[in-house]
Amino acid sequence: MAGYKDPSFEERTARAQEARAKALKLLADRPPVDEAVVAQRKAAQLARDADVAAKSAARKAAIAQAKADKLAASMVPVKVKPTEAELKAARDERYAARRKRNS
């Protein structure tokens, strides 16, 4: 039984050169590309890209709006300082209630 024999350097380079020639022949045998088809494909790709960009922008806007709504819902309302008239009215009510209790 014959054992495996490593190919020599010349054999490996010859095989590589044959493979290269075969690949170039396959490349040369391909039919030429029609420019109208290329333009149509580019237009379709641009339309898909625009659609993806629009969906992405809408999704980002929705996320930002949801974050803003959540932040607004979790915010504690700011207490407004009462005016002098409101302070005086509250003080007068307390005085009147005290007088009513004591009398």
C-alpha atoms as a PDB file:
ATOM      1  CA  MET A   1       0.000   0.000   0.000  1.00  0.00           C
ATOM      2  CA  ALA A   2       1.392   3.364  -1.023  1.00  0.00           C
ATOM      3  CA  GLY A   3       1.544   6.080   1.590  1.00  0.00           C
ATOM      4  CA  TYR A   4       0.602   9.738   1.256  1.00  0.00           C
ATOM      5  CA  LYS A   5       3.248  11.734  -0.544  1.00  0.00           C
ATOM      6  CA  ASP A   6       3.504  15.458   0.165  1.00  0.00           C
ATOM      7  CA  PRO A   7       3.328  17.476  -3.040  1.00  0.00           C
ATOM      8  CA  SER A   8       6.480  19.343  -3.885  1.00  0.00           C
ATOM      9  CA  PHE A   9       6.729  23.113  -4.062  1.00  0.00           C
ATOM     10  CA  GLU A  10       6.558  23.041  -7.868  1.00  0.00           C
ATOM     11  CA  GLU A  11       3.395  20.928  -7.782  1.00  0.00           C
ATOM     12  CA  ARG A  12       1.736  23.296  -5.289  1.00  0.00           C
ATOM     13  CA  THR A  13       2.612  26.398  -7.338  1.00  0.00           C
ATOM     14  CA  ALA A  14       1.376  24.705 -10.523  1.00  0.00           C
ATOM     15  CA  ARG A  15      -1.957  23.843  -8.881  1.00  0.00           C
ATOM     16  CA  ALA A  16      -2.298  27.366  -7.559  1.00  0.00           C
ATOM     17  CA  GLN A  17      -1.582  28.788 -11.007  1.00  0.00           C
ATOM     18  CA  GLU A  18      -4.158  26.445 -12.574  1.00  0.00           C
ATOM     19  CA  ALA A  19      -6.756  27.460  -9.993  1.00  0.00           C
ATOM     20  CA  ARG A  20      -6.005  31.127 -10.651  1.00  0.00           C
ATOM     21  CA  ALA A  21      -6.357  30.633 -14.411  1.00  0.00           C
ATOM     22  CA  LYS A  22      -9.643  28.766 -13.930  1.00  0.00           C
ATOM     23  CA  ALA A  23     -11.036  31.573 -11.722  1.00  0.00           C
ATOM     24  CA  LEU A  24     -10.015  34.209 -14.267  1.00  0.00           C
ATOM     25  CA  LYS A  25     -11.660  32.227 -17.065  1.00  0.00           C
ATOM     26  CA  LEU A  26     -14.905  31.975 -15.071  1.00  0.00           C
ATOM     27  CA  LEU A  27     -14.746  35.703 -14.430  1.00  0.00           C
ATOM     28  CA  ALA A  28     -14.168  36.476 -18.104  1.00  0.00           C
ATOM     29  CA  ASP A  29     -17.028  34.179 -19.197  1.00  0.00           C
ATOM     30  CA  ARG A  30     -19.613  36.070 -17.118  1.00  0.00           C
ATOM     31  CA  PRO A  31     -22.144  38.049 -19.168  1.00  0.00           C
ATOM     32  CA  PRO A  32     -21.757  41.839 -19.141  1.00  0.00           C
ATOM     33  CA  VAL A  33     -23.842  43.838 -16.645  1.00  0.00           C
ATOM     34  CA  ASP A  34     -26.743  45.833 -18.058  1.00  0.00           C
ATOM     35  CA  GLU A  35     -26.556  49.473 -16.963  1.00  0.00           C
ATOM     36  CA  ALA A  36     -30.354  49.773 -16.738  1.00  0.00           C
ATOM     37  CA  VAL A  37     -30.478  46.862 -14.298  1.00  0.00           C
ATOM     38  CA  VAL A  38     -27.698  48.430 -12.225  1.00  0.00           C
ATOM     39  CA  ALA A  39     -29.547  51.755 -12.093  1.00  0.00           C
ATOM     40  CA  GLN A  40     -32.772  50.007 -11.115  1.00  0.00           C
ATOM     41  CA  ARG A  41     -31.015  48.089  -8.317  1.00  0.00           C
ATOM     42  CA  LYS A  42     -29.395  51.277  -7.014  1.00  0.00           C
ATOM     43  CA  ALA A  43     -32.759  53.062  -6.975  1.00  0.00           C
ATOM     44  CA  ALA A  44     -34.352  50.156  -5.121  1.00  0.00           C
ATOM     45  CA  GLN A  45     -31.503  50.132  -2.581  1.00  0.00           C
ATOM     46  CA  LEU A  46     -31.834  53.892  -2.036  1.00  0.00           C
ATOM     47  CA  ALA A  47     -35.578  53.469  -1.469  1.00  0.00           C
ATOM     48  CA  ARG A  48     -34.940  50.684   1.066  1.00  0.00           C
ATOM     49  CA  ASP A  49     -32.302  52.797   2.824  1.00  0.00           C
ATOM     50  CA  ALA A  50     -34.678  55.767   3.017  1.00  0.00           C
ATOM     51  CA  ASP A  51     -37.419  53.522   4.414  1.00  0.00           C
ATOM     52  CA  VAL A  52     -35.083  52.100   7.048  1.00  0.00           C
ATOM     53  CA  ALA A  53     -33.894  55.594   7.992  1.00  0.00           C
ATOM     54  CA  ALA A  54     -37.476  56.848   8.330  1.00  0.00           C
ATOM     55  CA  LYS A  55     -38.463  53.884  10.515  1.00  0.00           C
ATOM     56  CA  SER A  56     -35.357  54.364  12.641  1.00  0.00           C
ATOM     57  CA  ALA A  57     -36.072  58.062  13.104  1.00  0.00           C
ATOM     58  CA  ALA A  58     -39.692  57.324  14.032  1.00  0.00           C
ATOM     59  CA  ARG A  59     -38.601  54.673  16.525  1.00  0.00           C
ATOM     60  CA  LYS A  60     -36.047  57.015  18.100  1.00  0.00           C
ATOM     61  CA  ALA A  61     -38.662  59.782  18.339  1.00  0.00           C
ATOM     62  CA  ALA A  62     -41.118  57.395  19.992  1.00  0.00           C
ATOM     63  CA  ILE A  63     -38.490  56.302  22.510  1.00  0.00           C
ATOM     64  CA  ALA A  64     -37.570  59.909  23.271  1.00  0.00           C
ATOM     65  CA  GLN A  65     -41.251  60.806  23.708  1.00  0.00           C
ATOM     66  CA  ALA A  66     -41.785  57.850  26.028  1.00  0.00           C
ATOM     67  CA  LYS A  67     -38.782  58.877  28.113  1.00  0.00           C
ATOM     68  CA  ALA A  68     -40.050  62.458  28.283  1.00  0.00           C
ATOM     69  CA  ASP A  69     -43.534  61.293  29.312  1.00  0.00           C
ATOM     70  CA  LYS A  70     -42.092  59.008  31.985  1.00  0.00           C
ATOM     71  CA  LEU A  71     -39.900  61.815  33.299  1.00  0.00           C
ATOM     72  CA  ALA A  72     -42.819  64.240  33.348  1.00  0.00           C
ATOM     73  CA  ALA A  73     -44.972  61.719  35.214  1.00  0.00           C
ATOM     74  CA  SER A  74     -42.307  61.102  37.833  1.00  0.00           C
ATOM     75  CA  MET A  75     -41.526  64.760  38.468  1.00  0.00           C
ATOM     76  CA  VAL A  76     -42.667  66.265  41.751  1.00  0.00           C
ATOM     77  CA  PRO A  77     -44.748  69.373  41.204  1.00  0.00           C
ATOM     78  CA  VAL A  78     -42.989  72.568  42.189  1.00  0.00           C
ATOM     79  CA  LYS A  79     -44.599  74.416  45.051  1.00  0.00           C
ATOM     80  CA  VAL A  80     -45.443  77.949  44.149  1.00  0.00           C
ATOM     81  CA  LYS A  81     -44.721  80.557  46.797  1.00  0.00           C
ATOM     82  CA  PRO A  82     -47.951  82.071  48.055  1.00  0.00           C
ATOM     83  CA  THR A  83     -48.456  85.776  47.539  1.00  0.00           C
ATOM     84  CA  GLU A  84     -48.714  88.251  50.383  1.00  0.00           C
ATOM     85  CA  ALA A  85     -52.485  88.397  50.015  1.00  0.00           C
ATOM     86  CA  GLU A  86     -52.768  84.608  50.259  1.00  0.00           C
ATOM     87  CA  LEU A  87     -50.531  84.557  53.344  1.00  0.00           C
ATOM     88  CA  LYS A  88     -52.656  87.274  54.973  1.00  0.00           C
ATOM     89  CA  ALA A  89     -55.901  85.420  54.171  1.00  0.00           C
ATOM     90  CA  ALA A  90     -54.554  82.175  55.684  1.00  0.00           C
ATOM     91  CA  ARG A  91     -53.372  84.013  58.798  1.00  0.00           C
ATOM     92  CA  ASP A  92     -56.754  85.713  59.202  1.00  0.00           C
ATOM     93  CA  GLU A  93     -58.490  82.312  58.924  1.00  0.00           C
ATOM     94  CA  ARG A  94     -56.276  80.887  61.666  1.00  0.00           C
ATOM     95  CA  TYR A  95     -56.973  83.856  63.925  1.00  0.00           C
ATOM     96  CA  ALA A  96     -60.703  83.594  63.322  1.00  0.00           C
ATOM     97  CA  ALA A  97     -60.681  79.873  64.085  1.00  0.00           C
ATOM     98  CA  ARG A  98     -58.725  80.472  67.305  1.00  0.00           C
ATOM     99  CA  ARG A  99     -61.123  83.190  68.442  1.00  0.00           C
ATOM    100  CA  LYS A 100     -64.055  80.906  67.712  1.00  0.00           C
ATOM    101  CA  ARG A 101     -62.509  78.069  69.759  1.00  0.00           C
ATOM    102  CA  ASN A 102     -61.636  80.262  72.717  1.00  0.00           C
ATOM    103  CA  SER A 103     -64.930  82.033  72.950  1.00  0.00           C
END
